[in-house]
């Protein structure tokens, strides 16, 4: 209704101006009662949803040095070093209150973190981990959407919960870990 009034006001003003200045007459804009644009498609509600950011993982060439930096310089609460042989890493958890950081260091030469550190000598962000309320549904849905995972099945992650990694080429260049909330 407000749009119709606005258009009517514009048309009236144009007529008035045209009466004073005949050369400035312009065609009145067309008024449409209903839009002819198609309605947007309805998207089915997902059977899973994203939760909170669980952690950001940082690959580090010297785990004790990095642990000391976050504990002694920044004053963060840090865990002891936790070896995770099934994942080929040693981990230190840095508690940030609203989320965590995982400091990752290779546990053996065939560790995926060893390869990352060969390309990035100073270390750097390795992945982000986001919680999901239904990991199996999320994986099935993402596979339908052609998002690849790095493994066929979820594995137990560093927090003792099922996790799966999504291929960075399908996630804007970021390695994304999904964790069951």
N, C-alpha and C. Protein backbone atom coordinates (compact mmCIF):
# COMPACT_ATOMS: atom_id res chain seq x y z
N UNK A 1 0.83 -1.19 0.00
CA UNK A 1 0.00 0.00 0.00
C UNK A 1 0.87 1.25 0.00
N UNK A 2 1.94 1.22 0.84
CA UNK A 2 2.82 2.38 0.91
C UNK A 2 3.49 2.62 -0.44
N UNK A 3 3.82 1.54 -1.14
CA UNK A 3 4.45 1.68 -2.45
C UNK A 3 3.49 2.32 -3.45
N UNK A 4 2.20 1.91 -3.40
CA UNK A 4 1.20 2.48 -4.31
C UNK A 4 1.05 3.96 -4.04
N UNK A 5 1.01 4.35 -2.73
CA UNK A 5 0.90 5.77 -2.39
C UNK A 5 2.13 6.54 -2.88
N UNK A 6 3.29 5.94 -2.73
CA UNK A 6 4.52 6.60 -3.16
C UNK A 6 4.51 6.83 -4.67
N UNK A 7 4.09 5.80 -5.42
CA UNK A 7 4.02 5.92 -6.88
C UNK A 7 3.00 6.97 -7.28
N UNK A 8 1.85 6.99 -6.60
CA UNK A 8 0.81 7.98 -6.91
C UNK A 8 1.34 9.38 -6.64
N UNK A 9 2.11 9.56 -5.57
CA UNK A 9 2.70 10.85 -5.25
C UNK A 9 3.69 11.27 -6.33
N UNK A 10 4.49 10.32 -6.81
CA UNK A 10 5.46 10.61 -7.87
C UNK A 10 4.74 11.03 -9.14
N UNK A 11 3.65 10.32 -9.50
CA UNK A 11 2.89 10.64 -10.70
C UNK A 11 2.27 12.03 -10.57
N UNK A 12 1.69 12.35 -9.40
CA UNK A 12 1.07 13.67 -9.19
C UNK A 12 2.14 14.76 -9.27
N UNK A 13 3.29 14.53 -8.66
CA UNK A 13 4.36 15.53 -8.69
C UNK A 13 4.86 15.73 -10.11
N UNK A 14 4.96 14.67 -10.88
CA UNK A 14 5.40 14.79 -12.27
C UNK A 14 4.40 15.60 -13.09
N UNK A 15 3.10 15.41 -12.84
CA UNK A 15 2.07 16.18 -13.55
C UNK A 15 2.17 17.65 -13.20
N UNK A 16 2.39 17.94 -11.92
CA UNK A 16 2.49 19.33 -11.47
C UNK A 16 3.70 20.01 -12.09
N UNK A 17 4.86 19.32 -12.02
CA UNK A 17 6.08 19.87 -12.60
C UNK A 17 5.89 20.06 -14.10
N UNK A 18 5.23 19.10 -14.74
CA UNK A 18 4.99 19.19 -16.18
C UNK A 18 4.13 20.41 -16.52
N UNK A 19 3.21 20.79 -15.62
CA UNK A 19 2.38 21.97 -15.84
C UNK A 19 3.20 23.25 -15.79
N UNK A 20 4.17 23.30 -14.91
CA UNK A 20 5.03 24.48 -14.79
C UNK A 20 6.11 24.50 -15.86
N UNK A 21 6.65 23.33 -16.12
CA UNK A 21 7.75 23.21 -17.08
C UNK A 21 7.39 22.14 -18.11
N UNK A 22 6.70 22.49 -19.18
CA UNK A 22 6.23 21.49 -20.13
C UNK A 22 7.33 20.62 -20.73
N UNK A 23 8.52 21.11 -20.83
CA UNK A 23 9.60 20.31 -21.40
C UNK A 23 10.06 19.20 -20.47
N UNK A 24 9.74 19.29 -19.19
CA UNK A 24 10.18 18.29 -18.22
C UNK A 24 9.18 17.16 -18.02
N UNK A 25 8.17 17.08 -18.86
CA UNK A 25 7.19 16.01 -18.70
C UNK A 25 7.85 14.67 -18.97
N UNK A 26 7.54 13.73 -18.10
CA UNK A 26 8.08 12.37 -18.25
C UNK A 26 6.92 11.39 -18.19
N UNK A 27 7.14 10.23 -18.78
CA UNK A 27 6.12 9.19 -18.72
C UNK A 27 5.95 8.73 -17.28
N UNK A 28 4.71 8.51 -16.89
CA UNK A 28 4.43 8.03 -15.53
C UNK A 28 4.89 6.58 -15.40
N UNK A 29 5.47 6.23 -14.25
CA UNK A 29 5.91 4.85 -14.07
C UNK A 29 4.72 3.89 -14.04
N UNK A 30 4.97 2.67 -14.51
CA UNK A 30 3.93 1.65 -14.53
C UNK A 30 3.77 1.07 -13.13
N UNK A 31 2.53 0.83 -12.74
CA UNK A 31 2.24 0.26 -11.42
C UNK A 31 1.79 -1.17 -11.62
N UNK A 32 2.43 -2.11 -10.87
CA UNK A 32 2.04 -3.52 -10.94
C UNK A 32 1.40 -3.89 -9.61
N UNK A 33 0.28 -4.53 -9.68
CA UNK A 33 -0.42 -4.94 -8.47
C UNK A 33 0.25 -6.16 -7.85
N UNK A 34 0.65 -7.10 -8.67
CA UNK A 34 1.26 -8.33 -8.17
C UNK A 34 2.58 -8.56 -8.88
N UNK A 35 3.52 -9.14 -8.18
CA UNK A 35 4.82 -9.44 -8.78
C UNK A 35 4.68 -10.61 -9.72
N UNK A 36 5.42 -10.57 -10.81
CA UNK A 36 5.42 -11.70 -11.75
C UNK A 36 6.64 -12.59 -11.55
N UNK A 37 7.46 -12.26 -10.54
CA UNK A 37 8.64 -13.08 -10.29
C UNK A 37 8.23 -14.40 -9.65
N UNK A 38 8.89 -15.49 -10.05
CA UNK A 38 8.55 -16.78 -9.43
C UNK A 38 8.97 -16.80 -7.97
N UNK A 39 8.27 -17.57 -7.18
CA UNK A 39 8.62 -17.73 -5.78
C UNK A 39 9.92 -18.51 -5.68
N UNK A 40 10.76 -18.20 -4.67
CA UNK A 40 12.00 -18.98 -4.53
C UNK A 40 11.66 -20.42 -4.16
N UNK A 41 12.50 -21.35 -4.59
CA UNK A 41 12.22 -22.76 -4.27
C UNK A 41 12.28 -22.98 -2.77
N UNK A 42 11.43 -23.84 -2.28
CA UNK A 42 11.43 -24.17 -0.86
C UNK A 42 12.49 -25.24 -0.62
N UNK A 43 13.31 -25.01 0.39
CA UNK A 43 14.37 -25.95 0.73
C UNK A 43 13.91 -26.78 1.91
N UNK A 44 14.06 -28.08 1.77
CA UNK A 44 13.68 -28.96 2.87
C UNK A 44 14.57 -28.67 4.07
N UNK A 45 14.02 -28.75 5.24
CA UNK A 45 14.77 -28.51 6.47
C UNK A 45 15.80 -29.63 6.62
N UNK A 46 17.02 -29.25 6.91
CA UNK A 46 18.09 -30.24 7.07
C UNK A 46 17.82 -31.10 8.29
N UNK A 47 18.27 -32.34 8.22
CA UNK A 47 18.09 -33.25 9.35
C UNK A 47 19.27 -33.14 10.31
N UNK A 48 20.21 -32.27 10.00
CA UNK A 48 21.37 -32.03 10.88
C UNK A 48 21.65 -30.54 10.86
N UNK A 49 22.39 -30.09 11.85
CA UNK A 49 22.77 -28.67 11.86
C UNK A 49 24.14 -28.49 12.49
N UNK A 50 24.77 -27.38 12.09
CA UNK A 50 26.07 -27.02 12.64
C UNK A 50 25.90 -26.54 14.07
N UNK A 51 26.89 -26.81 14.86
CA UNK A 51 26.92 -26.32 16.23
C UNK A 51 28.03 -25.30 16.39
N UNK A 52 28.68 -25.35 17.51
CA UNK A 52 29.70 -24.35 17.81
C UNK A 52 31.06 -24.75 17.24
N UNK A 53 31.94 -23.76 17.15
CA UNK A 53 33.33 -24.02 16.78
C UNK A 53 33.97 -24.76 17.94
N UNK A 54 34.43 -25.97 17.71
CA UNK A 54 35.03 -26.76 18.78
C UNK A 54 36.48 -26.37 18.99
N UNK A 55 37.24 -26.28 17.90
CA UNK A 55 38.64 -25.88 18.04
C UNK A 55 39.23 -25.46 16.70
N UNK A 56 40.35 -24.77 16.79
CA UNK A 56 41.19 -24.46 15.65
C UNK A 56 42.50 -25.21 15.90
N UNK A 57 42.94 -25.98 14.92
CA UNK A 57 44.16 -26.77 15.07
C UNK A 57 45.32 -26.07 14.38
N UNK A 58 46.43 -25.96 15.11
CA UNK A 58 47.63 -25.31 14.63
C UNK A 58 48.77 -26.33 14.62
N UNK A 59 49.36 -26.54 13.45
CA UNK A 59 50.53 -27.42 13.36
C UNK A 59 51.75 -26.62 13.79
N UNK A 60 52.54 -27.21 14.66
CA UNK A 60 53.72 -26.50 15.19
C UNK A 60 54.97 -27.37 15.04
N UNK A 61 56.12 -26.77 14.67
CA UNK A 61 57.34 -27.54 14.54
C UNK A 61 57.97 -27.90 15.89
N UNK A 62 57.68 -27.12 16.94
CA UNK A 62 58.23 -27.37 18.27
C UNK A 62 57.08 -27.27 19.28
N UNK A 63 56.58 -28.43 19.69
CA UNK A 63 55.39 -28.47 20.54
C UNK A 63 55.62 -27.85 21.91
N UNK A 64 56.76 -28.11 22.53
CA UNK A 64 57.02 -27.55 23.86
C UNK A 64 57.19 -26.04 23.81
N UNK A 65 57.82 -25.54 22.77
CA UNK A 65 57.97 -24.09 22.62
C UNK A 65 56.60 -23.43 22.45
N UNK A 66 55.76 -24.01 21.61
CA UNK A 66 54.41 -23.47 21.39
C UNK A 66 53.58 -23.56 22.67
N UNK A 67 53.69 -24.68 23.37
CA UNK A 67 52.97 -24.87 24.63
C UNK A 67 53.37 -23.79 25.64
N UNK A 68 54.67 -23.54 25.73
CA UNK A 68 55.17 -22.51 26.64
C UNK A 68 54.69 -21.12 26.26
N UNK A 69 54.64 -20.83 24.96
CA UNK A 69 54.17 -19.52 24.51
C UNK A 69 52.73 -19.26 24.96
N UNK A 70 51.84 -20.21 24.71
CA UNK A 70 50.43 -20.00 25.08
C UNK A 70 50.24 -19.98 26.60
N UNK A 71 51.01 -20.78 27.32
CA UNK A 71 50.90 -20.84 28.78
C UNK A 71 51.59 -19.65 29.45
N UNK A 72 52.87 -19.41 29.13
CA UNK A 72 53.67 -18.44 29.86
C UNK A 72 53.54 -17.00 29.34
N UNK A 73 53.40 -16.83 28.04
CA UNK A 73 53.34 -15.49 27.46
C UNK A 73 51.89 -14.99 27.42
N UNK A 74 50.98 -15.84 26.93
CA UNK A 74 49.58 -15.42 26.80
C UNK A 74 48.73 -15.75 28.03
N UNK A 75 49.23 -16.60 28.91
CA UNK A 75 48.51 -16.91 30.15
C UNK A 75 47.34 -17.86 29.99
N UNK A 76 47.33 -18.66 28.92
CA UNK A 76 46.24 -19.60 28.68
C UNK A 76 46.43 -20.87 29.50
N UNK A 77 45.34 -21.56 29.74
CA UNK A 77 45.39 -22.89 30.36
C UNK A 77 45.74 -23.88 29.26
N UNK A 78 46.80 -24.64 29.45
CA UNK A 78 47.21 -25.62 28.46
C UNK A 78 47.32 -26.99 29.10
N UNK A 79 47.05 -28.02 28.31
CA UNK A 79 47.13 -29.38 28.81
C UNK A 79 48.56 -29.89 28.72
N UNK A 80 48.77 -31.04 29.28
CA UNK A 80 50.02 -31.77 29.04
C UNK A 80 49.98 -32.28 27.61
N UNK A 81 51.10 -32.71 27.10
CA UNK A 81 51.16 -33.29 25.76
C UNK A 81 50.46 -34.64 25.76
N UNK A 82 49.57 -34.84 24.79
CA UNK A 82 48.81 -36.09 24.67
C UNK A 82 49.18 -36.75 23.35
N UNK A 83 49.86 -37.91 23.41
CA UNK A 83 50.17 -38.62 22.16
C UNK A 83 48.92 -39.34 21.64
N UNK A 84 48.66 -39.21 20.35
CA UNK A 84 47.53 -39.90 19.71
C UNK A 84 48.08 -40.73 18.56
N UNK A 85 48.62 -41.92 18.87
CA UNK A 85 49.27 -42.73 17.83
C UNK A 85 48.34 -43.11 16.67
N UNK A 86 47.05 -43.28 16.93
CA UNK A 86 46.12 -43.63 15.85
C UNK A 86 46.01 -42.52 14.81
N UNK A 87 46.29 -41.29 15.23
CA UNK A 87 46.21 -40.14 14.32
C UNK A 87 47.59 -39.64 13.89
N UNK A 88 48.64 -40.21 14.47
CA UNK A 88 50.00 -39.82 14.10
C UNK A 88 50.39 -38.45 14.60
N UNK A 89 49.81 -38.02 15.71
CA UNK A 89 50.12 -36.68 16.25
C UNK A 89 50.25 -36.71 17.76
N UNK A 90 50.96 -35.71 18.26
CA UNK A 90 50.92 -35.36 19.68
C UNK A 90 50.15 -34.05 19.75
N UNK A 91 49.31 -33.91 20.77
CA UNK A 91 48.43 -32.76 20.86
C UNK A 91 48.57 -32.08 22.21
N UNK A 92 48.52 -30.76 22.20
CA UNK A 92 48.37 -29.97 23.42
C UNK A 92 47.10 -29.15 23.22
N UNK A 93 46.20 -29.20 24.19
CA UNK A 93 44.95 -28.45 24.12
C UNK A 93 45.14 -27.12 24.85
N UNK A 94 44.72 -26.04 24.20
CA UNK A 94 44.79 -24.70 24.78
C UNK A 94 43.34 -24.26 25.00
N UNK A 95 42.97 -24.07 26.26
CA UNK A 95 41.59 -23.68 26.59
C UNK A 95 41.46 -22.17 26.47
N UNK A 96 40.51 -21.73 25.64
CA UNK A 96 40.29 -20.29 25.44
C UNK A 96 38.98 -19.81 26.06
N UNK A 97 38.34 -20.63 26.84
CA UNK A 97 37.06 -20.25 27.45
C UNK A 97 35.89 -20.60 26.56
N UNK A 98 35.74 -19.91 25.43
CA UNK A 98 34.61 -20.18 24.54
C UNK A 98 34.92 -21.24 23.48
N UNK A 99 36.19 -21.59 23.32
CA UNK A 99 36.58 -22.65 22.39
C UNK A 99 37.99 -23.11 22.77
N UNK A 100 38.59 -23.92 21.92
CA UNK A 100 39.94 -24.43 22.21
C UNK A 100 40.82 -24.28 20.97
N UNK A 101 42.09 -24.38 21.20
CA UNK A 101 43.06 -24.56 20.12
C UNK A 101 43.71 -25.91 20.36
N UNK A 102 44.07 -26.57 19.29
CA UNK A 102 44.85 -27.79 19.38
C UNK A 102 46.19 -27.52 18.74
N UNK A 103 47.24 -27.69 19.50
CA UNK A 103 48.58 -27.58 18.94
C UNK A 103 48.97 -28.99 18.51
N UNK A 104 49.28 -29.16 17.23
CA UNK A 104 49.58 -30.48 16.67
C UNK A 104 51.04 -30.58 16.29
N UNK A 105 51.62 -31.73 16.62
CA UNK A 105 53.01 -32.01 16.26
C UNK A 105 53.06 -33.45 15.76
N UNK A 106 53.87 -33.72 14.72
CA UNK A 106 53.91 -35.08 14.18
C UNK A 106 54.42 -36.10 15.20
N UNK A 107 53.81 -37.24 15.16
CA UNK A 107 54.24 -38.38 15.96
C UNK A 107 54.69 -39.44 14.95
N UNK A 108 55.92 -39.30 14.49
CA UNK A 108 56.44 -40.20 13.46
C UNK A 108 56.52 -39.51 12.12
N UNK A 109 57.34 -40.09 11.23
CA UNK A 109 57.59 -39.48 9.92
C UNK A 109 56.41 -39.60 8.95
N UNK A 110 55.53 -40.59 9.16
CA UNK A 110 54.40 -40.77 8.25
C UNK A 110 53.15 -40.02 8.70
N UNK A 111 53.31 -39.16 9.68
CA UNK A 111 52.20 -38.36 10.18
C UNK A 111 51.75 -37.35 9.12
N UNK A 112 50.43 -37.12 9.00
CA UNK A 112 49.98 -36.09 8.06
C UNK A 112 50.48 -34.70 8.45
N UNK A 113 50.77 -34.50 9.71
CA UNK A 113 51.29 -33.20 10.18
C UNK A 113 52.75 -33.03 9.74
N UNK A 114 53.49 -34.13 9.62
CA UNK A 114 54.87 -34.04 9.13
C UNK A 114 54.88 -33.48 7.71
N UNK A 115 53.99 -33.97 6.86
CA UNK A 115 53.89 -33.47 5.49
C UNK A 115 53.49 -32.00 5.46
N UNK A 116 52.57 -31.62 6.34
CA UNK A 116 52.14 -30.21 6.41
C UNK A 116 53.31 -29.33 6.81
N UNK A 117 54.10 -29.76 7.79
CA UNK A 117 55.24 -28.96 8.26
C UNK A 117 56.37 -28.92 7.24
N UNK A 118 56.47 -29.94 6.38
CA UNK A 118 57.47 -29.88 5.31
C UNK A 118 57.17 -28.73 4.35
N UNK A 119 55.87 -28.51 4.10
CA UNK A 119 55.45 -27.41 3.21
C UNK A 119 55.40 -26.07 3.93
N UNK A 120 55.18 -26.10 5.23
CA UNK A 120 55.01 -24.89 6.04
C UNK A 120 55.96 -24.98 7.24
N UNK A 121 57.23 -24.64 7.02
CA UNK A 121 58.28 -24.86 8.03
C UNK A 121 57.98 -24.22 9.38
N UNK A 122 57.34 -23.05 9.39
CA UNK A 122 57.04 -22.36 10.65
C UNK A 122 55.75 -22.85 11.28
N UNK A 123 55.04 -23.76 10.61
CA UNK A 123 53.75 -24.21 11.13
C UNK A 123 52.63 -23.33 10.61
N UNK A 124 51.45 -23.51 11.16
CA UNK A 124 50.32 -22.69 10.75
C UNK A 124 49.01 -23.40 11.00
N UNK A 125 47.93 -22.72 10.64
CA UNK A 125 46.61 -23.29 10.85
C UNK A 125 46.45 -24.55 10.00
N UNK A 126 46.06 -25.63 10.64
CA UNK A 126 45.88 -26.89 9.94
C UNK A 126 44.42 -27.14 9.59
N UNK A 127 43.52 -26.99 10.57
CA UNK A 127 42.09 -27.21 10.30
C UNK A 127 41.23 -26.52 11.35
N UNK A 128 39.94 -26.44 11.04
CA UNK A 128 38.95 -25.98 12.01
C UNK A 128 38.01 -27.14 12.27
N UNK A 129 37.54 -27.22 13.49
CA UNK A 129 36.61 -28.29 13.87
C UNK A 129 35.29 -27.67 14.31
N UNK A 130 34.22 -28.12 13.68
CA UNK A 130 32.88 -27.62 13.97
C UNK A 130 32.03 -28.80 14.44
N UNK A 131 31.29 -28.59 15.51
CA UNK A 131 30.41 -29.63 16.01
C UNK A 131 29.15 -29.71 15.16
N UNK A 132 28.62 -30.92 15.01
CA UNK A 132 27.33 -31.13 14.35
C UNK A 132 26.47 -32.00 15.26
N UNK A 133 25.16 -31.82 15.17
CA UNK A 133 24.28 -32.57 16.06
C UNK A 133 24.03 -34.00 15.59
N UNK A 134 24.30 -34.30 14.33
CA UNK A 134 24.12 -35.66 13.80
C UNK A 134 25.17 -35.89 12.72
N UNK A 135 26.30 -36.46 13.10
CA UNK A 135 27.42 -36.62 12.17
C UNK A 135 27.06 -37.51 10.99
N UNK A 136 26.37 -38.62 11.24
CA UNK A 136 26.02 -39.53 10.13
C UNK A 136 25.13 -38.84 9.11
N UNK A 137 24.14 -38.09 9.58
CA UNK A 137 23.26 -37.37 8.66
C UNK A 137 24.02 -36.29 7.91
N UNK A 138 24.94 -35.62 8.60
CA UNK A 138 25.73 -34.56 7.97
C UNK A 138 26.59 -35.14 6.85
N UNK A 139 27.25 -36.25 7.12
CA UNK A 139 28.12 -36.87 6.11
C UNK A 139 27.29 -37.32 4.90
N UNK A 140 26.15 -37.96 5.15
CA UNK A 140 25.30 -38.42 4.04
C UNK A 140 24.82 -37.23 3.20
N UNK A 141 24.39 -36.17 3.86
CA UNK A 141 23.90 -34.98 3.16
C UNK A 141 25.01 -34.32 2.36
N UNK A 142 26.18 -34.19 2.96
CA UNK A 142 27.30 -33.55 2.27
C UNK A 142 27.78 -34.37 1.09
N UNK A 143 27.75 -35.67 1.20
CA UNK A 143 28.13 -36.53 0.07
C UNK A 143 27.15 -36.35 -1.09
N UNK A 144 25.85 -36.22 -0.77
CA UNK A 144 24.86 -35.94 -1.82
C UNK A 144 25.16 -34.62 -2.52
N UNK A 145 25.73 -33.67 -1.76
CA UNK A 145 26.06 -32.36 -2.30
C UNK A 145 27.46 -32.34 -2.91
N UNK A 146 28.06 -33.53 -3.07
CA UNK A 146 29.37 -33.69 -3.72
C UNK A 146 30.53 -33.11 -2.92
N UNK A 147 30.39 -33.07 -1.61
CA UNK A 147 31.49 -32.66 -0.74
C UNK A 147 32.20 -33.94 -0.30
N UNK A 148 33.47 -34.02 -0.62
CA UNK A 148 34.24 -35.23 -0.32
C UNK A 148 34.77 -35.21 1.11
N UNK A 149 34.94 -36.39 1.66
CA UNK A 149 35.60 -36.53 2.97
C UNK A 149 36.92 -37.25 2.74
N UNK A 150 37.84 -37.11 3.70
CA UNK A 150 39.16 -37.73 3.56
C UNK A 150 39.15 -39.21 3.93
N UNK A 151 38.05 -39.68 4.53
CA UNK A 151 37.92 -41.10 4.85
C UNK A 151 36.48 -41.52 4.60
N UNK A 152 36.28 -42.80 4.43
CA UNK A 152 34.92 -43.31 4.20
C UNK A 152 34.09 -43.29 5.46
N UNK A 153 34.72 -43.56 6.58
CA UNK A 153 34.00 -43.66 7.85
C UNK A 153 34.56 -42.66 8.85
N UNK A 154 33.72 -42.29 9.80
CA UNK A 154 34.17 -41.43 10.91
C UNK A 154 35.11 -42.24 11.81
N UNK A 155 36.01 -41.53 12.45
CA UNK A 155 36.93 -42.15 13.41
C UNK A 155 36.80 -41.44 14.74
N UNK A 156 37.28 -42.06 15.79
CA UNK A 156 37.29 -41.38 17.08
C UNK A 156 38.38 -40.32 17.06
N UNK A 157 38.00 -39.10 17.42
CA UNK A 157 38.94 -37.98 17.41
C UNK A 157 39.64 -37.82 18.75
N UNK A 158 40.37 -36.74 18.87
CA UNK A 158 41.16 -36.46 20.07
C UNK A 158 40.31 -36.28 21.31
N UNK A 159 39.02 -35.95 21.14
CA UNK A 159 38.13 -35.76 22.29
C UNK A 159 37.30 -37.00 22.60
N UNK A 160 37.61 -38.11 21.90
CA UNK A 160 36.88 -39.35 22.14
C UNK A 160 35.52 -39.40 21.47
N UNK A 161 35.27 -38.50 20.53
CA UNK A 161 33.99 -38.46 19.81
C UNK A 161 34.24 -38.73 18.34
N UNK A 162 33.23 -39.23 17.62
CA UNK A 162 33.40 -39.47 16.18
C UNK A 162 33.66 -38.17 15.42
N UNK A 163 34.61 -38.23 14.48
CA UNK A 163 34.95 -37.08 13.64
C UNK A 163 35.16 -37.55 12.21
N UNK A 164 35.04 -36.61 11.28
CA UNK A 164 35.39 -36.86 9.89
C UNK A 164 35.92 -35.55 9.31
N UNK A 165 36.91 -35.67 8.43
CA UNK A 165 37.51 -34.49 7.80
C UNK A 165 36.94 -34.33 6.39
N UNK A 166 36.59 -33.09 6.04
CA UNK A 166 36.10 -32.78 4.71
C UNK A 166 37.25 -32.27 3.86
N UNK A 167 37.23 -32.62 2.59
CA UNK A 167 38.32 -32.26 1.68
C UNK A 167 38.42 -30.74 1.54
N UNK A 168 39.61 -30.18 1.72
CA UNK A 168 39.76 -28.72 1.62
C UNK A 168 39.40 -28.16 0.25
N UNK A 169 39.55 -28.94 -0.80
CA UNK A 169 39.20 -28.44 -2.14
C UNK A 169 37.69 -28.22 -2.29
N UNK A 170 36.91 -28.85 -1.43
CA UNK A 170 35.46 -28.69 -1.46
C UNK A 170 34.97 -27.71 -0.40
N UNK A 171 35.90 -27.16 0.37
CA UNK A 171 35.53 -26.29 1.50
C UNK A 171 36.29 -24.96 1.46
N UNK A 172 36.46 -24.43 0.27
CA UNK A 172 37.10 -23.12 0.14
C UNK A 172 38.56 -23.09 0.55
N UNK A 173 39.24 -24.24 0.43
CA UNK A 173 40.66 -24.29 0.77
C UNK A 173 40.95 -24.55 2.24
N UNK A 174 39.91 -24.81 3.02
CA UNK A 174 40.07 -25.05 4.46
C UNK A 174 39.76 -26.51 4.77
N UNK A 175 40.66 -27.14 5.51
CA UNK A 175 40.39 -28.49 6.00
C UNK A 175 39.40 -28.36 7.15
N UNK A 176 38.24 -28.97 7.00
CA UNK A 176 37.18 -28.86 8.01
C UNK A 176 36.97 -30.23 8.65
N UNK A 177 37.01 -30.23 9.97
CA UNK A 177 36.72 -31.43 10.74
C UNK A 177 35.32 -31.27 11.33
N UNK A 178 34.47 -32.26 11.11
CA UNK A 178 33.16 -32.27 11.76
C UNK A 178 33.22 -33.24 12.92
N UNK A 179 32.71 -32.82 14.06
CA UNK A 179 32.72 -33.65 15.27
C UNK A 179 31.31 -33.80 15.81
N UNK A 180 30.96 -35.01 16.18
CA UNK A 180 29.66 -35.26 16.80
C UNK A 180 29.59 -34.50 18.13
N UNK A 181 28.57 -33.69 18.28
CA UNK A 181 28.41 -32.89 19.51
C UNK A 181 28.03 -33.79 20.69
